[in-house]
C-alpha cells in the first residue's frame, strides 16, 4: 500500500472542525466523490479508494447531493433500446 503525506497548518483542521484523522478521511472521501462526479472513476473504484463499502459510498453521494447515476436520460434510453 502506498502512503501519501501532506503538510497542513493546524488552521486547516479547525476550518472543518475535524481532528487530523477525521480531516484525512474527509479529504479521501471528498476526492473520491469528486472523481466519481467527474466520471473519472466508477462507483466501485471510488468506494474502494475511499475505504468505504459501495453502500456507504452511495450514502455519501446522497449526503453530498451528487447523483448516483452518471448517465444522461438519452444514454439510458439508448441503452434500453439496445437490450
C-alpha atoms as a PDB file:
ATOM      1  CA  UNK A   1       0.000   0.000   0.000  1.00  0.00           C
ATOM      2  CA  UNK A   2       1.283   3.479  -0.849  1.00  0.00           C
ATOM      3  CA  UNK A   3       1.411   6.238   1.734  1.00  0.00           C
ATOM      4  CA  UNK A   4       0.771   9.862   0.783  1.00  0.00           C
ATOM      5  CA  UNK A   5       1.758  12.585   3.232  1.00  0.00           C
ATOM      6  CA  UNK A   6       0.580  16.211   3.311  1.00  0.00           C
ATOM      7  CA  UNK A   7       1.897  19.016   5.456  1.00  0.00           C
ATOM      8  CA  UNK A   8      -1.036  21.136   6.632  1.00  0.00           C
ATOM      9  CA  UNK A   9      -1.184  24.017   9.018  1.00  0.00           C
ATOM     10  CA  UNK A  10      -3.216  23.469  12.206  1.00  0.00           C
ATOM     11  CA  UNK A  11      -5.746  26.012  10.923  1.00  0.00           C
ATOM     12  CA  UNK A  12      -6.711  23.588   8.153  1.00  0.00           C
ATOM     13  CA  UNK A  13      -8.163  21.201  10.722  1.00  0.00           C
ATOM     14  CA  UNK A  14     -10.069  23.923  12.502  1.00  0.00           C
ATOM     15  CA  UNK A  15     -11.637  25.072   9.227  1.00  0.00           C
ATOM     16  CA  UNK A  16     -13.820  21.952   9.219  1.00  0.00           C
ATOM     17  CA  UNK A  17     -13.640  21.384  12.976  1.00  0.00           C
ATOM     18  CA  UNK A  18     -12.097  17.954  12.492  1.00  0.00           C
ATOM     19  CA  UNK A  19      -9.245  16.103  14.118  1.00  0.00           C
ATOM     20  CA  UNK A  20      -6.311  15.202  11.831  1.00  0.00           C
ATOM     21  CA  UNK A  21      -7.560  11.601  11.276  1.00  0.00           C
ATOM     22  CA  UNK A  22     -11.101  12.851  10.588  1.00  0.00           C
ATOM     23  CA  UNK A  23      -9.719  15.503   8.230  1.00  0.00           C
ATOM     24  CA  UNK A  24      -7.689  12.884   6.328  1.00  0.00           C
ATOM     25  CA  UNK A  25     -10.763  10.669   5.943  1.00  0.00           C
ATOM     26  CA  UNK A  26     -12.835  13.640   4.745  1.00  0.00           C
ATOM     27  CA  UNK A  27     -10.188  14.557   2.162  1.00  0.00           C
ATOM     28  CA  UNK A  28     -10.122  10.981   0.890  1.00  0.00           C
ATOM     29  CA  UNK A  29     -13.910  10.653   0.621  1.00  0.00           C
ATOM     30  CA  UNK A  30     -14.356  14.140  -0.873  1.00  0.00           C
ATOM     31  CA  UNK A  31     -11.746  13.395  -3.541  1.00  0.00           C
ATOM     32  CA  UNK A  32     -13.436  10.120  -4.453  1.00  0.00           C
ATOM     33  CA  UNK A  33     -16.870  11.748  -4.655  1.00  0.00           C
ATOM     34  CA  UNK A  34     -15.431  14.455  -6.930  1.00  0.00           C
ATOM     35  CA  UNK A  35     -13.634  11.940  -9.157  1.00  0.00           C
ATOM     36  CA  UNK A  36     -16.842   9.918  -9.441  1.00  0.00           C
ATOM     37  CA  UNK A  37     -18.916  13.023 -10.232  1.00  0.00           C
ATOM     38  CA  UNK A  38     -16.434  13.911 -12.996  1.00  0.00           C
ATOM     39  CA  UNK A  39     -16.671  10.401 -14.438  1.00  0.00           C
ATOM     40  CA  UNK A  40     -13.020   9.618 -13.740  1.00  0.00           C
ATOM     41  CA  UNK A  41     -13.712   6.527 -11.618  1.00  0.00           C
ATOM     42  CA  UNK A  42     -16.572   4.067 -11.210  1.00  0.00           C
ATOM     43  CA  UNK A  43     -18.673   3.785  -8.057  1.00  0.00           C
ATOM     44  CA  UNK A  44     -16.882   0.583  -7.197  1.00  0.00           C
ATOM     45  CA  UNK A  45     -13.398   2.077  -7.597  1.00  0.00           C
ATOM     46  CA  UNK A  46     -14.342   5.301  -5.784  1.00  0.00           C
ATOM     47  CA  UNK A  47     -15.713   3.312  -2.854  1.00  0.00           C
ATOM     48  CA  UNK A  48     -12.552   1.197  -2.753  1.00  0.00           C
ATOM     49  CA  UNK A  49     -10.233   4.235  -2.794  1.00  0.00           C
ATOM     50  CA  UNK A  50     -12.373   5.979  -0.162  1.00  0.00           C
ATOM     51  CA  UNK A  51     -12.194   2.912   2.081  1.00  0.00           C
ATOM     52  CA  UNK A  52     -15.975   2.506   2.055  1.00  0.00           C
ATOM     53  CA  UNK A  53     -18.387  -0.208   1.037  1.00  0.00           C
ATOM     54  CA  UNK A  54     -20.382   0.546  -2.090  1.00  0.00           C
ATOM     55  CA  UNK A  55     -23.494   1.151   0.038  1.00  0.00           C
ATOM     56  CA  UNK A  56     -21.568   3.576   2.261  1.00  0.00           C
ATOM     57  CA  UNK A  57     -20.282   5.369  -0.849  1.00  0.00           C
ATOM     58  CA  UNK A  58     -23.824   5.667  -2.220  1.00  0.00           C
ATOM     59  CA  UNK A  59     -24.880   7.146   1.131  1.00  0.00           C
ATOM     60  CA  UNK A  60     -22.034   9.684   0.827  1.00  0.00           C
ATOM     61  CA  UNK A  61     -23.215  10.617  -2.662  1.00  0.00           C
ATOM     62  CA  UNK A  62     -26.739  11.142  -1.333  1.00  0.00           C
ATOM     63  CA  UNK A  63     -25.487  13.178   1.630  1.00  0.00           C
ATOM     64  CA  UNK A  64     -23.389  15.362  -0.667  1.00  0.00           C
ATOM     65  CA  UNK A  65     -26.206  15.681  -3.223  1.00  0.00           C
ATOM     66  CA  UNK A  66     -24.232  14.044  -6.019  1.00  0.00           C
ATOM     67  CA  UNK A  67     -26.291  11.935  -8.436  1.00  0.00           C
ATOM     68  CA  UNK A  68     -25.554   8.228  -8.099  1.00  0.00           C
ATOM     69  CA  UNK A  69     -26.320   7.683 -11.794  1.00  0.00           C
ATOM     70  CA  UNK A  70     -23.901   9.462 -14.088  1.00  0.00           C
ATOM     71  CA  UNK A  71     -25.751   8.698 -17.328  1.00  0.00           C
ATOM     72  CA  UNK A  72     -27.968  11.166 -19.157  1.00  0.00           C
ATOM     73  CA  UNK A  73     -31.594  10.338 -19.940  1.00  0.00           C
ATOM     74  CA  UNK A  74     -30.657   9.953 -23.597  1.00  0.00           C
ATOM     75  CA  UNK A  75     -27.891   7.463 -22.721  1.00  0.00           C
ATOM     76  CA  UNK A  76     -30.299   5.424 -20.595  1.00  0.00           C
ATOM     77  CA  UNK A  77     -32.913   5.342 -23.367  1.00  0.00           C
ATOM     78  CA  UNK A  78     -30.287   4.302 -25.915  1.00  0.00           C
ATOM     79  CA  UNK A  79     -29.037   1.535 -23.624  1.00  0.00           C
ATOM     80  CA  UNK A  80     -32.597   0.249 -23.095  1.00  0.00           C
ATOM     81  CA  UNK A  81     -33.217   0.220 -26.855  1.00  0.00           C
ATOM     82  CA  UNK A  82     -30.158  -1.962 -27.437  1.00  0.00           C
ATOM     83  CA  UNK A  83     -31.200  -4.657 -24.962  1.00  0.00           C
END
